[in-house]
PDB file of N, CA and C in Angstrom:
ATOM      1  N   MET A   1     126.357  22.382 140.567  1.00  0.00           N
ATOM      2  CA  MET A   1     125.805  22.658 142.100  1.00  0.00           C
ATOM      3  C   MET A   1     126.952  22.377 143.272  1.00  0.00           C
ATOM      4  N   PHE A   2     127.762  21.441 143.101  1.00  0.00           N
ATOM      5  CA  PHE A   2     128.623  21.714 144.315  1.00  0.00           C
ATOM      6  C   PHE A   2     130.081  22.156 144.030  1.00  0.00           C
ATOM      7  N   GLY A   3     130.161  22.474 142.646  1.00  0.00           N
ATOM      8  CA  GLY A   3     131.475  23.350 142.552  1.00  0.00           C
ATOM      9  C   GLY A   3     132.613  22.151 142.176  1.00  0.00           C
ATOM     10  N   GLY A   4     132.399  21.260 142.028  1.00  0.00           N
ATOM     11  CA  GLY A   4     133.395  20.139 141.494  1.00  0.00           C
ATOM     12  C   GLY A   4     134.389  19.982 143.100  1.00  0.00           C
ATOM     13  N   LYS A   5     134.283  20.076 144.049  1.00  0.00           N
ATOM     14  CA  LYS A   5     135.166  20.335 145.075  1.00  0.00           C
ATOM     15  C   LYS A   5     134.454  19.211 146.121  1.00  0.00           C
ATOM     16  N   LEU A   6     135.143  18.104 146.183  1.00  0.00           N
ATOM     17  CA  LEU A   6     134.680  16.949 146.993  1.00  0.00           C
ATOM     18  C   LEU A   6     135.718  16.585 147.716  1.00  0.00           C
ATOM     19  N   GLY A   7     136.085  17.057 149.209  1.00  0.00           N
ATOM     20  CA  GLY A   7     137.366  17.059 149.961  1.00  0.00           C
ATOM     21  C   GLY A   7     137.008  15.870 150.682  1.00  0.00           C
ATOM     22  N   LEU A   8     138.078  15.764 151.847  1.00  0.00           N
ATOM     23  CA  LEU A   8     138.275  14.836 152.735  1.00  0.00           C
ATOM     24  C   LEU A   8     136.994  14.985 153.594  1.00  0.00           C
ATOM     25  N   PRO A   9     136.641  15.609 154.289  1.00  0.00           N
ATOM     26  CA  PRO A   9     135.361  16.035 155.153  1.00  0.00           C
ATOM     27  C   PRO A   9     133.931  15.380 154.631  1.00  0.00           C
ATOM     28  N   GLU A  10     133.816  16.009 153.318  1.00  0.00           N
ATOM     29  CA  GLU A  10     132.669  15.435 152.318  1.00  0.00           C
ATOM     30  C   GLU A  10     132.570  13.751 152.193  1.00  0.00           C
ATOM     31  N   LEU A  11     134.055  13.378 151.855  1.00  0.00           N
ATOM     32  CA  LEU A  11     134.297  11.582 151.621  1.00  0.00           C
ATOM     33  C   LEU A  11     133.939  11.150 152.892  1.00  0.00           C
ATOM     34  N   LEU A  12     134.482  11.680 153.787  1.00  0.00           N
ATOM     35  CA  LEU A  12     134.033  10.921 155.185  1.00  0.00           C
ATOM     36  C   LEU A  12     132.435  10.677 155.708  1.00  0.00           C
ATOM     37  N   VAL A  13     131.727  12.108 155.453  1.00  0.00           N
ATOM     38  CA  VAL A  13     130.264  11.778 155.442  1.00  0.00           C
ATOM     39  C   VAL A  13     129.792  10.749 154.924  1.00  0.00           C
ATOM     40  N   ILE A  14     130.307  10.777 153.622  1.00  0.00           N
ATOM     41  CA  ILE A  14     129.299   9.940 152.645  1.00  0.00           C
ATOM     42  C   ILE A  14     129.750   8.581 152.953  1.00  0.00           C
ATOM     43  N   VAL A  15     131.074   8.076 153.496  1.00  0.00           N
ATOM     44  CA  VAL A  15     131.284   7.011 153.676  1.00  0.00           C
ATOM     45  C   VAL A  15     130.234   6.416 155.259  1.00  0.00           C
ATOM     46  N   ALA A  16     130.212   7.396 156.221  1.00  0.00           N
ATOM     47  CA  ALA A  16     129.677   7.158 157.472  1.00  0.00           C
ATOM     48  C   ALA A  16     128.506   7.082 157.171  1.00  0.00           C
ATOM     49  N   ILE A  17     127.931   7.722 156.444  1.00  0.00           N
ATOM     50  CA  ILE A  17     126.143   7.557 156.041  1.00  0.00           C
ATOM     51  C   ILE A  17     126.064   6.252 155.306  1.00  0.00           C
ATOM     52  N   ALA A  18     126.944   5.757 154.447  1.00  0.00           N
ATOM     53  CA  ALA A  18     126.937   4.281 153.565  1.00  0.00           C
ATOM     54  C   ALA A  18     127.361   3.385 154.903  1.00  0.00           C
ATOM     55  N   LEU A  19     128.146   3.365 155.894  1.00  0.00           N
ATOM     56  CA  LEU A  19     128.218   2.468 156.681  1.00  0.00           C
ATOM     57  C   LEU A  19     127.064   2.446 157.617  1.00  0.00           C
ATOM     58  N   LEU A  20     126.018   3.445 157.765  1.00  0.00           N
ATOM     59  CA  LEU A  20     125.177   3.325 158.539  1.00  0.00           C
ATOM     60  C   LEU A  20     123.631   2.625 157.923  1.00  0.00           C
ATOM     61  N   ILE A  21     124.109   2.928 156.448  1.00  0.00           N
ATOM     62  CA  ILE A  21     122.733   2.272 155.609  1.00  0.00           C
ATOM     63  C   ILE A  21     123.217   0.881 155.362  1.00  0.00           C
ATOM     64  N   PHE A  22     124.259   0.476 155.081  1.00  0.00           N
ATOM     65  CA  PHE A  22     124.590  -1.066 154.598  1.00  0.00           C
ATOM     66  C   PHE A  22     125.143  -1.646 155.630  1.00  0.00           C
ATOM     67  N   GLY A  23     126.166  -1.336 156.859  1.00  0.00           N
ATOM     68  CA  GLY A  23     126.757  -2.394 157.725  1.00  0.00           C
ATOM     69  C   GLY A  23     127.954  -2.490 157.026  1.00  0.00           C
ATOM     70  N   PRO A  24     128.814  -2.704 158.157  1.00  0.00           N
ATOM     71  CA  PRO A  24     129.962  -2.913 157.877  1.00  0.00           C
ATOM     72  C   PRO A  24     130.654  -4.141 157.200  1.00  0.00           C
ATOM     73  N   LYS A  25     129.692  -5.166 156.788  1.00  0.00           N
ATOM     74  CA  LYS A  25     129.958  -6.477 156.356  1.00  0.00           C
ATOM     75  C   LYS A  25     129.385  -6.511 154.732  1.00  0.00           C
ATOM     76  N   LYS A  26     128.446  -5.826 154.430  1.00  0.00           N
ATOM     77  CA  LYS A  26     127.689  -5.391 153.358  1.00  0.00           C
ATOM     78  C   LYS A  26     128.642  -4.298 152.489  1.00  0.00           C
ATOM     79  N   LEU A  27     128.741  -3.288 153.254  1.00  0.00           N
ATOM     80  CA  LEU A  27     130.258  -2.148 152.528  1.00  0.00           C
ATOM     81  C   LEU A  27     131.056  -3.045 152.050  1.00  0.00           C
ATOM     82  N   GLY A  28     131.894  -3.694 152.688  1.00  0.00           N
ATOM     83  CA  GLY A  28     133.376  -4.722 152.396  1.00  0.00           C
ATOM     84  C   GLY A  28     132.758  -5.599 151.071  1.00  0.00           C
ATOM     85  N   GLU A  29     131.699  -6.271 150.586  1.00  0.00           N
ATOM     86  CA  GLU A  29     131.301  -6.880 149.627  1.00  0.00           C
ATOM     87  C   GLU A  29     131.049  -5.717 148.436  1.00  0.00           C
ATOM     88  N   LEU A  30     130.524  -4.694 148.762  1.00  0.00           N
ATOM     89  CA  LEU A  30     129.855  -3.712 147.741  1.00  0.00           C
ATOM     90  C   LEU A  30     131.031  -3.235 147.284  1.00  0.00           C
ATOM     91  N   GLY A  31     132.027  -2.702 147.971  1.00  0.00           N
ATOM     92  CA  GLY A  31     133.336  -2.529 147.552  1.00  0.00           C
ATOM     93  C   GLY A  31     134.400  -3.263 146.604  1.00  0.00           C
ATOM     94  N   LYS A  32     134.108  -4.592 147.265  1.00  0.00           N
ATOM     95  CA  LYS A  32     134.849  -5.811 146.467  1.00  0.00           C
ATOM     96  C   LYS A  32     134.295  -5.693 144.909  1.00  0.00           C
ATOM     97  N   GLY A  33     132.789  -5.941 144.858  1.00  0.00           N
ATOM     98  CA  GLY A  33     132.081  -5.766 143.686  1.00  0.00           C
ATOM     99  C   GLY A  33     132.181  -4.909 142.761  1.00  0.00           C
ATOM    100  N   LEU A  34     132.576  -3.339 143.416  1.00  0.00           N
ATOM    101  CA  LEU A  34     132.433  -2.761 142.484  1.00  0.00           C
ATOM    102  C   LEU A  34     134.044  -2.445 142.069  1.00  0.00           C
ATOM    103  N   GLY A  35     134.951  -3.079 142.825  1.00  0.00           N
ATOM    104  CA  GLY A  35     136.146  -3.214 142.409  1.00  0.00           C
ATOM    105  C   GLY A  35     136.639  -4.220 141.182  1.00  0.00           C
ATOM    106  N   GLU A  36     135.864  -4.974 141.382  1.00  0.00           N
ATOM    107  CA  GLU A  36     136.044  -6.146 140.483  1.00  0.00           C
ATOM    108  C   GLU A  36     135.396  -5.839 139.019  1.00  0.00           C
ATOM    109  N   GLY A  37     134.165  -5.060 139.290  1.00  0.00           N
ATOM    110  CA  GLY A  37     133.468  -4.485 137.750  1.00  0.00           C
ATOM    111  C   GLY A  37     134.552  -3.626 137.289  1.00  0.00           C
ATOM    112  N   ILE A  38     134.904  -2.880 137.867  1.00  0.00           N
ATOM    113  CA  ILE A  38     135.956  -1.753 137.321  1.00  0.00           C
ATOM    114  C   ILE A  38     137.039  -2.620 136.788  1.00  0.00           C
ATOM    115  N   ARG A  39     137.198  -3.389 137.503  1.00  0.00           N
ATOM    116  CA  ARG A  39     138.955  -4.120 136.633  1.00  0.00           C
ATOM    117  C   ARG A  39     138.355  -4.958 135.705  1.00  0.00           C
ATOM    118  N   ASN A  40     136.907  -5.537 135.496  1.00  0.00           N
ATOM    119  CA  ASN A  40     136.616  -6.377 134.212  1.00  0.00           C
ATOM    120  C   ASN A  40     136.389  -5.555 133.363  1.00  0.00           C
ATOM    121  N   PHE A  41     135.527  -4.021 133.608  1.00  0.00           N
ATOM    122  CA  PHE A  41     135.576  -3.476 132.389  1.00  0.00           C
ATOM    123  C   PHE A  41     136.944  -2.887 131.492  1.00  0.00           C
ATOM    124  N   LYS A  42     137.880  -2.314 132.505  1.00  0.00           N
ATOM    125  CA  LYS A  42     139.325  -1.950 132.051  1.00  0.00           C
ATOM    126  C   LYS A  42     139.834  -3.295 131.378  1.00  0.00           C
ATOM    127  N   SER A  43     139.588  -4.528 131.707  1.00  0.00           N
ATOM    128  CA  SER A  43     140.317  -5.275 130.833  1.00  0.00           C
ATOM    129  C   SER A  43     139.630  -5.551 129.481  1.00  0.00           C
ATOM    130  N   SER A  44     138.293  -5.478 129.619  1.00  0.00           N
ATOM    131  CA  SER A  44     137.607  -5.599 128.291  1.00  0.00           C
ATOM    132  C   SER A  44     137.595  -4.205 127.669  1.00  0.00           C
ATOM    133  N   MET A  45     137.851  -3.283 128.075  1.00  0.00           N
ATOM    134  CA  MET A  45     138.347  -2.188 127.249  1.00  0.00           C
ATOM    135  C   MET A  45     139.595  -2.120 126.406  1.00  0.00           C
ATOM    136  N   SER A  46     140.909  -2.671 127.098  1.00  0.00           N
ATOM    137  CA  SER A  46     141.875  -2.978 126.622  1.00  0.00           C
ATOM    138  C   SER A  46     142.053  -4.279 125.804  1.00  0.00           C
ATOM    139  N   GLU A  47     140.923  -5.238 125.869  1.00  0.00           N
ATOM    140  CA  GLU A  47     141.076  -6.473 124.632  1.00  0.00           C
ATOM    141  C   GLU A  47     140.410  -5.812 123.489  1.00  0.00           C
ATOM    142  N   HIS A  48     139.611  -5.152 123.681  1.00  0.00           N
ATOM    143  CA  HIS A  48     139.037  -4.458 122.675  1.00  0.00           C
ATOM    144  C   HIS A  48     139.789  -3.487 121.775  1.00  0.00           C
ATOM    145  N   ASN A  49     140.872  -2.649 122.581  1.00  0.00           N
ATOM    146  CA  ASN A  49     141.427  -1.741 121.654  1.00  0.00           C
ATOM    147  C   ASN A  49     142.451  -2.513 121.169  1.00  0.00           C
ATOM    148  N   ALA A  50     143.092  -3.766 121.737  1.00  0.00           N
ATOM    149  CA  ALA A  50     143.976  -4.253 121.167  1.00  0.00           C
ATOM    150  C   ALA A  50     143.290  -4.938 120.187  1.00  0.00           C
ATOM    151  N   ALA A  51     142.384  -5.403 120.011  1.00  0.00           N
ATOM    152  CA  ALA A  51     141.808  -6.336 118.915  1.00  0.00           C
ATOM    153  C   ALA A  51     141.593  -5.355 117.773  1.00  0.00           C
ATOM    154  N   THR A  52     141.062  -4.152 117.963  1.00  0.00           N
ATOM    155  CA  THR A  52     141.027  -3.046 116.823  1.00  0.00           C
ATOM    156  C   THR A  52     142.402  -2.486 116.494  1.00  0.00           C
ATOM    157  N   THR A  53     143.239  -2.142 117.140  1.00  0.00           N
ATOM    158  CA  THR A  53     144.556  -1.547 116.914  1.00  0.00           C
ATOM    159  C   THR A  53     145.345  -2.415 116.293  1.00  0.00           C
ATOM    160  N   THR A  54     145.730  -3.739 116.093  1.00  0.00           N
ATOM    161  CA  THR A  54     146.485  -4.311 115.608  1.00  0.00           C
ATOM    162  C   THR A  54     145.999  -5.187 114.372  1.00  0.00           C
ATOM    163  N   PRO A  55     146.735  -5.274 113.438  1.00  0.00           N
ATOM    164  CA  PRO A  55     146.632  -5.542 112.176  1.00  0.00           C
ATOM    165  C   PRO A  55     146.192  -7.437 112.116  1.00  0.00           C
ATOM    166  N   PRO A  56     145.618  -8.409 111.526  1.00  0.00           N
ATOM    167  CA  PRO A  56     145.792  -9.460 111.533  1.00  0.00           C
ATOM    168  C   PRO A  56     147.129 -10.119 111.200  1.00  0.00           C
ATOM    169  N   SER A  57     147.319 -10.877 112.137  1.00  0.00           N
ATOM    170  CA  SER A  57     148.740 -11.846 111.693  1.00  0.00           C
ATOM    171  C   SER A  57     149.122 -12.453 110.496  1.00  0.00           C
ATOM    172  N   ASN A  58     147.813 -12.904 110.267  1.00  0.00           N
ATOM    173  CA  ASN A  58     147.876 -13.755 108.618  1.00  0.00           C
ATOM    174  C   ASN A  58     146.664 -13.677 108.327  1.00  0.00           C
ATOM    175  N   PRO A  59     147.045 -12.332 107.320  1.00  0.00           N
ATOM    176  CA  PRO A  59     145.474 -12.326 106.897  1.00  0.00           C
ATOM    177  C   PRO A  59     145.274 -12.934 105.553  1.00  0.00           C
ATOM    178  N   THR A  60     143.875 -13.556 105.344  1.00  0.00           N
ATOM    179  CA  THR A  60     143.333 -14.253 104.277  1.00  0.00           C
ATOM    180  C   THR A  60     143.306 -13.156 102.793  1.00  0.00           C
ATOM    181  N   PRO A  61     143.765 -14.046 102.022  1.00  0.00           N
ATOM    182  CA  PRO A  61     143.633 -13.322 100.698  1.00  0.00           C
ATOM    183  C   PRO A  61     142.243 -13.133 100.105  1.00  0.00           C
ATOM    184  N   THR A  62     142.110 -12.015  99.496  1.00  0.00           N
ATOM    185  CA  THR A  62     140.691 -11.449  99.290  1.00  0.00           C
ATOM    186  C   THR A  62     140.501 -12.130  97.781  1.00  0.00           C
ATOM    187  N   PRO A  63     139.068 -13.110  97.666  1.00  0.00           N
ATOM    188  CA  PRO A  63     139.175 -14.071  96.168  1.00  0.00           C
ATOM    189  C   PRO A  63     139.065 -13.066  95.060  1.00  0.00           C
ATOM    190  N   THR A  64     140.089 -13.315  94.119  1.00  0.00           N
ATOM    191  CA  THR A  64     139.436 -12.470  92.992  1.00  0.00           C
ATOM    192  C   THR A  64     138.090 -12.686  92.213  1.00  0.00           C
ATOM    193  N   PRO A  65     137.295 -11.974  91.560  1.00  0.00           N
ATOM    194  CA  PRO A  65     136.102 -12.146  90.843  1.00  0.00           C
ATOM    195  C   PRO A  65     136.685 -13.113  89.495  1.00  0.00           C
ATOM    196  N   THR A  66     136.231 -14.160  89.231  1.00  0.00           N
ATOM    197  CA  THR A  66     136.445 -15.012  88.101  1.00  0.00           C
ATOM    198  C   THR A  66     134.925 -14.673  87.112  1.00  0.00           C
ATOM    199  N   GLU A  67     135.236 -14.631  85.920  1.00  0.00           N
ATOM    200  CA  GLU A  67     134.195 -14.759  84.844  1.00  0.00           C
ATOM    201  C   GLU A  67     133.682 -16.311  84.903  1.00  0.00           C
ATOM    202  N   ASP A  68     132.229 -16.071  84.744  1.00  0.00           N
ATOM    203  CA  ASP A  68     131.679 -17.350  84.666  1.00  0.00           C
ATOM    204  C   ASP A  68     131.843 -17.929  82.844  1.00  0.00           C
ATOM    205  N   LYS A  69     132.043 -19.140  83.081  1.00  0.00           N
ATOM    206  CA  LYS A  69     132.127 -19.638  81.639  1.00  0.00           C
ATOM    207  C   LYS A  69     130.862 -20.722  81.193  1.00  0.00           C
ATOM    208  N   LYS A  70     130.297 -20.291  80.060  1.00  0.00           N
ATOM    209  CA  LYS A  70     129.255 -20.914  79.786  1.00  0.00           C
ATOM    210  C   LYS A  70     129.647 -21.950  78.728  1.00  0.00           C
ATOM    211  N   SER A  71     129.117 -23.287  79.170  1.00  0.00           N
ATOM    212  CA  SER A  71     129.514 -24.388  78.242  1.00  0.00           C
ATOM    213  C   SER A  71     128.405 -25.170  77.416  1.00  0.00           C
TER     214      SER A  71
END
């Protein structure tokens, strides 16, 4: 619909409308919350990737099946 072009004038209009709707104090709080959310998401994704790509440092041996002995 927009052709994927979002330049500086368009961003300024979006910021001006957001400033009018939320006000300067609330807009700062929203930006801070959005930044923290993105940071937490990135850190959890990197922790998840590290946990799935690295082999365990001390693998537990797999128990071998034993035959049942009847007395």
